[in-house]
PDB file of N, CA and C in Angstrom:
ATOM      1  N   MET A   1     -16.795  20.978 -24.334  1.00  0.00           N
ATOM      2  CA  MET A   1     -17.692  19.760 -23.896  1.00  0.00           C
ATOM      3  C   MET A   1     -16.906  19.113 -22.732  1.00  0.00           C
ATOM      4  N   GLU A   2     -17.417  18.719 -21.836  1.00  0.00           N
ATOM      5  CA  GLU A   2     -16.765  18.289 -20.825  1.00  0.00           C
ATOM      6  C   GLU A   2     -16.595  16.762 -20.938  1.00  0.00           C
ATOM      7  N   THR A   3     -15.173  16.061 -20.821  1.00  0.00           N
ATOM      8  CA  THR A   3     -15.184  14.715 -20.636  1.00  0.00           C
ATOM      9  C   THR A   3     -15.731  13.968 -19.194  1.00  0.00           C
ATOM     10  N   ILE A   4     -16.583  13.081 -19.522  1.00  0.00           N
ATOM     11  CA  ILE A   4     -17.402  12.162 -18.281  1.00  0.00           C
ATOM     12  C   ILE A   4     -16.436  10.656 -18.355  1.00  0.00           C
ATOM     13  N   LEU A   5     -15.768  10.648 -17.287  1.00  0.00           N
ATOM     14  CA  LEU A   5     -15.007   9.466 -16.762  1.00  0.00           C
ATOM     15  C   LEU A   5     -15.908   8.710 -16.269  1.00  0.00           C
ATOM     16  N   GLU A   6     -16.092   7.151 -16.417  1.00  0.00           N
ATOM     17  CA  GLU A   6     -16.749   6.411 -15.708  1.00  0.00           C
ATOM     18  C   GLU A   6     -15.789   5.527 -15.016  1.00  0.00           C
ATOM     19  N   ILE A   7     -16.146   4.856 -13.399  1.00  0.00           N
ATOM     20  CA  ILE A   7     -15.426   3.898 -12.695  1.00  0.00           C
ATOM     21  C   ILE A   7     -15.496   2.641 -13.177  1.00  0.00           C
ATOM     22  N   VAL A   8     -14.566   2.315 -13.186  1.00  0.00           N
ATOM     23  CA  VAL A   8     -15.061   0.991 -14.071  1.00  0.00           C
ATOM     24  C   VAL A   8     -15.309  -0.586 -12.909  1.00  0.00           C
ATOM     25  N   ARG A   9     -14.490  -0.254 -12.034  1.00  0.00           N
ATOM     26  CA  ARG A   9     -14.397  -1.253 -10.628  1.00  0.00           C
ATOM     27  C   ARG A   9     -13.437  -0.582  -9.296  1.00  0.00           C
ATOM     28  N   ILE A  10     -14.122  -0.732  -8.262  1.00  0.00           N
ATOM     29  CA  ILE A  10     -13.679  -0.317  -6.853  1.00  0.00           C
ATOM     30  C   ILE A  10     -13.641  -1.777  -6.403  1.00  0.00           C
ATOM     31  N   GLU A  11     -12.438  -2.412  -5.408  1.00  0.00           N
ATOM     32  CA  GLU A  11     -12.671  -3.463  -5.006  1.00  0.00           C
ATOM     33  C   GLU A  11     -11.729  -3.243  -3.683  1.00  0.00           C
ATOM     34  N   GLN A  12     -11.983  -3.864  -2.835  1.00  0.00           N
ATOM     35  CA  GLN A  12     -11.225  -3.893  -1.668  1.00  0.00           C
ATOM     36  C   GLN A  12     -10.646  -5.197  -0.947  1.00  0.00           C
ATOM     37  N   ILE A  13      -9.579  -5.434  -0.849  1.00  0.00           N
ATOM     38  CA  ILE A  13      -9.016  -6.593  -0.636  1.00  0.00           C
ATOM     39  C   ILE A  13      -8.650  -6.948   0.871  1.00  0.00           C
ATOM     40  N   ILE A  14      -9.246  -7.409   1.650  1.00  0.00           N
ATOM     41  CA  ILE A  14      -8.602  -7.486   3.196  1.00  0.00           C
ATOM     42  C   ILE A  14      -7.581  -8.723   3.369  1.00  0.00           C
ATOM     43  N   ARG A  15      -6.154  -8.708   3.787  1.00  0.00           N
ATOM     44  CA  ARG A  15      -5.921  -9.607   3.980  1.00  0.00           C
ATOM     45  C   ARG A  15      -4.783  -9.536   5.416  1.00  0.00           C
ATOM     46  N   GLU A  16      -4.291 -10.868   6.073  1.00  0.00           N
ATOM     47  CA  GLU A  16      -3.897 -10.571   7.304  1.00  0.00           C
ATOM     48  C   GLU A  16      -2.364 -10.669   6.771  1.00  0.00           C
ATOM     49  N   SER A  17      -1.253 -10.147   7.770  1.00  0.00           N
ATOM     50  CA  SER A  17       0.097  -9.936   7.076  1.00  0.00           C
ATOM     51  C   SER A  17       0.715 -11.359   7.691  1.00  0.00           C
ATOM     52  N   GLU A  18       1.859 -11.707   6.881  1.00  0.00           N
ATOM     53  CA  GLU A  18       2.582 -12.833   6.960  1.00  0.00           C
ATOM     54  C   GLU A  18       2.964 -13.115   8.420  1.00  0.00           C
ATOM     55  N   GLU A  19       2.833 -14.615   9.061  1.00  0.00           N
ATOM     56  CA  GLU A  19       2.690 -14.752  10.381  1.00  0.00           C
ATOM     57  C   GLU A  19       4.416 -14.960  10.443  1.00  0.00           C
ATOM     58  N   GLY A  20       4.749 -14.222  11.681  1.00  0.00           N
ATOM     59  CA  GLY A  20       6.260 -14.102  11.792  1.00  0.00           C
ATOM     60  C   GLY A  20       6.874 -12.793  11.203  1.00  0.00           C
ATOM     61  N   VAL A  21       6.121 -11.752  10.119  1.00  0.00           N
ATOM     62  CA  VAL A  21       6.998 -10.631   9.885  1.00  0.00           C
ATOM     63  C   VAL A  21       6.566  -9.673  10.666  1.00  0.00           C
ATOM     64  N   ASP A  22       7.753  -9.019  11.029  1.00  0.00           N
ATOM     65  CA  ASP A  22       7.132  -7.720  11.754  1.00  0.00           C
ATOM     66  C   ASP A  22       7.270  -6.548  10.894  1.00  0.00           C
ATOM     67  N   TYR A  23       6.650  -5.569  10.391  1.00  0.00           N
ATOM     68  CA  TYR A  23       7.116  -4.557   9.436  1.00  0.00           C
ATOM     69  C   TYR A  23       6.997  -3.105  10.328  1.00  0.00           C
ATOM     70  N   ILE A  24       8.785  -3.281  10.554  1.00  0.00           N
ATOM     71  CA  ILE A  24       9.164  -1.844  11.215  1.00  0.00           C
ATOM     72  C   ILE A  24       9.710  -0.544  10.212  1.00  0.00           C
ATOM     73  N   ILE A  25       9.434   0.359  10.285  1.00  0.00           N
ATOM     74  CA  ILE A  25      10.145   1.198   9.658  1.00  0.00           C
ATOM     75  C   ILE A  25      11.307   1.972  10.545  1.00  0.00           C
ATOM     76  N   HIS A  26      12.457   1.712  10.171  1.00  0.00           N
ATOM     77  CA  HIS A  26      13.705   2.753  10.850  1.00  0.00           C
ATOM     78  C   HIS A  26      14.149   3.999  10.168  1.00  0.00           C
ATOM     79  N   ASN A  27      14.068   3.540   8.625  1.00  0.00           N
ATOM     80  CA  ASN A  27      14.498   4.720   7.720  1.00  0.00           C
ATOM     81  C   ASN A  27      13.726   4.657   6.485  1.00  0.00           C
ATOM     82  N   PRO A  28      13.921   5.451   5.524  1.00  0.00           N
ATOM     83  CA  PRO A  28      12.988   5.494   4.324  1.00  0.00           C
ATOM     84  C   PRO A  28      13.101   4.435   3.568  1.00  0.00           C
ATOM     85  N   GLU A  29      14.026   3.788   3.868  1.00  0.00           N
ATOM     86  CA  GLU A  29      14.722   2.294   2.653  1.00  0.00           C
ATOM     87  C   GLU A  29      13.836   1.574   2.978  1.00  0.00           C
ATOM     88  N   ASP A  30      13.619   1.513   4.583  1.00  0.00           N
ATOM     89  CA  ASP A  30      12.628   0.321   4.743  1.00  0.00           C
ATOM     90  C   ASP A  30      11.229   0.343   4.593  1.00  0.00           C
ATOM     91  N   GLY A  31      10.856   1.815   4.358  1.00  0.00           N
ATOM     92  CA  GLY A  31       9.526   1.825   3.909  1.00  0.00           C
ATOM     93  C   GLY A  31       9.190   1.689   2.448  1.00  0.00           C
ATOM     94  N   ALA A  32      10.628   1.940   1.814  1.00  0.00           N
ATOM     95  CA  ALA A  32      10.681   1.690   0.138  1.00  0.00           C
ATOM     96  C   ALA A  32      10.596   0.267  -0.016  1.00  0.00           C
ATOM     97  N   LYS A  33      11.464  -0.554   1.242  1.00  0.00           N
ATOM     98  CA  LYS A  33      11.157  -2.158   0.769  1.00  0.00           C
ATOM     99  C   LYS A  33       9.825  -2.325   0.744  1.00  0.00           C
ATOM    100  N   ILE A  34       9.045  -2.287   2.217  1.00  0.00           N
ATOM    101  CA  ILE A  34       7.680  -2.708   2.641  1.00  0.00           C
ATOM    102  C   ILE A  34       6.838  -2.477   1.266  1.00  0.00           C
ATOM    103  N   ALA A  35       7.087  -1.154   0.934  1.00  0.00           N
ATOM    104  CA  ALA A  35       5.904  -0.371  -0.439  1.00  0.00           C
ATOM    105  C   ALA A  35       5.971  -1.338  -1.079  1.00  0.00           C
ATOM    106  N   SER A  36       7.684  -1.616  -1.875  1.00  0.00           N
ATOM    107  CA  SER A  36       8.095  -2.630  -3.038  1.00  0.00           C
ATOM    108  C   SER A  36       7.192  -3.879  -3.215  1.00  0.00           C
ATOM    109  N   ARG A  37       7.299  -4.272  -1.753  1.00  0.00           N
ATOM    110  CA  ARG A  37       6.343  -5.917  -1.730  1.00  0.00           C
ATOM    111  C   ARG A  37       5.158  -6.013  -1.943  1.00  0.00           C
ATOM    112  N   PHE A  38       4.182  -4.517  -1.842  1.00  0.00           N
ATOM    113  CA  PHE A  38       2.734  -4.697  -1.896  1.00  0.00           C
ATOM    114  C   PHE A  38       2.511  -4.172  -3.782  1.00  0.00           C
ATOM    115  N   ILE A  39       3.667  -3.599  -4.020  1.00  0.00           N
ATOM    116  CA  ILE A  39       3.191  -2.720  -5.196  1.00  0.00           C
ATOM    117  C   ILE A  39       3.602  -3.874  -6.127  1.00  0.00           C
ATOM    118  N   GLY A  40       4.811  -4.277  -6.161  1.00  0.00           N
ATOM    119  CA  GLY A  40       5.446  -5.470  -6.973  1.00  0.00           C
ATOM    120  C   GLY A  40       5.712  -4.925  -8.347  1.00  0.00           C
ATOM    121  N   ARG A  41       5.372  -5.030  -9.251  1.00  0.00           N
ATOM    122  CA  ARG A  41       6.043  -4.823 -10.591  1.00  0.00           C
ATOM    123  C   ARG A  41       4.896  -4.287 -11.493  1.00  0.00           C
ATOM    124  N   ASP A  42       3.816  -3.585 -10.923  1.00  0.00           N
ATOM    125  CA  ASP A  42       2.644  -2.820 -11.536  1.00  0.00           C
ATOM    126  C   ASP A  42       3.038  -1.606 -12.562  1.00  0.00           C
ATOM    127  N   ASP A  43       2.142  -1.830 -13.698  1.00  0.00           N
ATOM    128  CA  ASP A  43       2.828  -1.222 -15.100  1.00  0.00           C
ATOM    129  C   ASP A  43       1.830   0.130 -15.027  1.00  0.00           C
ATOM    130  N   HIS A  44       1.232   0.472 -13.901  1.00  0.00           N
ATOM    131  CA  HIS A  44       0.623   1.818 -13.967  1.00  0.00           C
ATOM    132  C   HIS A  44       0.877   2.344 -12.649  1.00  0.00           C
ATOM    133  N   GLU A  45       0.285   3.465 -12.519  1.00  0.00           N
ATOM    134  CA  GLU A  45       0.160   4.688 -11.414  1.00  0.00           C
ATOM    135  C   GLU A  45      -0.400   3.761 -10.316  1.00  0.00           C
ATOM    136  N   VAL A  46       0.076   3.853  -9.009  1.00  0.00           N
ATOM    137  CA  VAL A  46      -0.260   3.086  -7.643  1.00  0.00           C
ATOM    138  C   VAL A  46      -0.582   4.050  -6.484  1.00  0.00           C
ATOM    139  N   PHE A  47      -1.622   4.767  -6.044  1.00  0.00           N
ATOM    140  CA  PHE A  47      -1.697   5.451  -4.734  1.00  0.00           C
ATOM    141  C   PHE A  47      -1.701   4.276  -3.526  1.00  0.00           C
ATOM    142  N   PHE A  48      -0.284   4.656  -2.918  1.00  0.00           N
ATOM    143  CA  PHE A  48      -0.195   3.487  -1.532  1.00  0.00           C
ATOM    144  C   PHE A  48       0.043   4.458  -0.095  1.00  0.00           C
ATOM    145  N   VAL A  49      -0.839   3.991   0.656  1.00  0.00           N
ATOM    146  CA  VAL A  49      -0.849   4.580   1.942  1.00  0.00           C
ATOM    147  C   VAL A  49      -0.181   3.769   3.232  1.00  0.00           C
ATOM    148  N   MET A  50       0.804   4.039   4.055  1.00  0.00           N
ATOM    149  CA  MET A  50       1.050   3.061   4.598  1.00  0.00           C
ATOM    150  C   MET A  50       1.027   3.932   6.140  1.00  0.00           C
ATOM    151  N   CYS A  51       0.497   3.048   7.100  1.00  0.00           N
ATOM    152  CA  CYS A  51      -0.261   3.845   8.288  1.00  0.00           C
ATOM    153  C   CYS A  51       0.626   2.994   9.350  1.00  0.00           C
ATOM    154  N   LEU A  52       1.071   3.965  10.507  1.00  0.00           N
ATOM    155  CA  LEU A  52       2.238   3.693  11.532  1.00  0.00           C
ATOM    156  C   LEU A  52       1.807   3.933  12.724  1.00  0.00           C
ATOM    157  N   ASN A  53       2.166   3.085  13.622  1.00  0.00           N
ATOM    158  CA  ASN A  53       1.469   3.535  15.084  1.00  0.00           C
ATOM    159  C   ASN A  53       2.645   4.553  15.515  1.00  0.00           C
ATOM    160  N   THR A  54       3.029   4.781  17.202  1.00  0.00           N
ATOM    161  CA  THR A  54       4.019   5.647  17.248  1.00  0.00           C
ATOM    162  C   THR A  54       5.415   4.983  17.485  1.00  0.00           C
ATOM    163  N   LYS A  55       5.751   3.498  17.612  1.00  0.00           N
ATOM    164  CA  LYS A  55       6.491   3.210  17.554  1.00  0.00           C
ATOM    165  C   LYS A  55       7.087   2.373  15.954  1.00  0.00           C
ATOM    166  N   ASN A  56       6.530   3.337  14.891  1.00  0.00           N
ATOM    167  CA  ASN A  56       6.693   2.912  13.779  1.00  0.00           C
ATOM    168  C   ASN A  56       6.661   1.680  13.302  1.00  0.00           C
ATOM    169  N   ASN A  57       5.755   0.897  13.465  1.00  0.00           N
ATOM    170  CA  ASN A  57       5.200  -0.249  13.053  1.00  0.00           C
ATOM    171  C   ASN A  57       3.868  -0.326  12.084  1.00  0.00           C
ATOM    172  N   VAL A  58       3.947  -0.744  11.147  1.00  0.00           N
ATOM    173  CA  VAL A  58       3.090  -0.714  10.308  1.00  0.00           C
ATOM    174  C   VAL A  58       1.867  -1.424  10.646  1.00  0.00           C
ATOM    175  N   ILE A  59       0.412  -0.602  10.821  1.00  0.00           N
ATOM    176  CA  ILE A  59      -0.615  -1.400  11.249  1.00  0.00           C
ATOM    177  C   ILE A  59      -1.590  -1.349   9.995  1.00  0.00           C
ATOM    178  N   ALA A  60      -1.413  -1.031   9.251  1.00  0.00           N
ATOM    179  CA  ALA A  60      -2.286  -0.797   8.001  1.00  0.00           C
ATOM    180  C   ALA A  60      -1.754  -0.277   6.393  1.00  0.00           C
ATOM    181  N   VAL A  61      -1.860  -0.989   5.649  1.00  0.00           N
ATOM    182  CA  VAL A  61      -1.498  -0.621   4.440  1.00  0.00           C
ATOM    183  C   VAL A  61      -2.497  -0.541   2.937  1.00  0.00           C
ATOM    184  N   MET A  62      -2.880   0.796   2.386  1.00  0.00           N
ATOM    185  CA  MET A  62      -3.889   0.538   1.572  1.00  0.00           C
ATOM    186  C   MET A  62      -3.202   0.879   0.447  1.00  0.00           C
ATOM    187  N   LEU A  63      -4.099  -0.013  -0.969  1.00  0.00           N
ATOM    188  CA  LEU A  63      -3.436   0.467  -2.219  1.00  0.00           C
ATOM    189  C   LEU A  63      -4.858   0.766  -3.046  1.00  0.00           C
ATOM    190  N   VAL A  64      -4.575   1.580  -4.061  1.00  0.00           N
ATOM    191  CA  VAL A  64      -5.612   2.001  -4.939  1.00  0.00           C
ATOM    192  C   VAL A  64      -5.095   2.030  -6.305  1.00  0.00           C
ATOM    193  N   ARG A  65      -5.520   1.380  -6.874  1.00  0.00           N
ATOM    194  CA  ARG A  65      -4.738   0.868  -8.419  1.00  0.00           C
ATOM    195  C   ARG A  65      -5.732   1.422  -9.281  1.00  0.00           C
TER     196      ARG A  65
END
C-alpha cells in the first residue's frame, strides 16, 4: 500500500530587507552568515535559495520550511 502525504500549509511571506544593510557575497562564509540570519535556529530541515546578481549582491531569498 502506498503512503499518501497531506500538505498542511504553504505560506509566502514577503518582507523588505533591512534599510542600510547590503547583502554582498565575497566568500562562502558570507553566504553562510546571511543564510543563518534567515534560518535562525530552526529545529527542522529548511530548503534555502539565495539569488544573486552578477555583482554577487543578494537580490532574493526563498525559504521552504
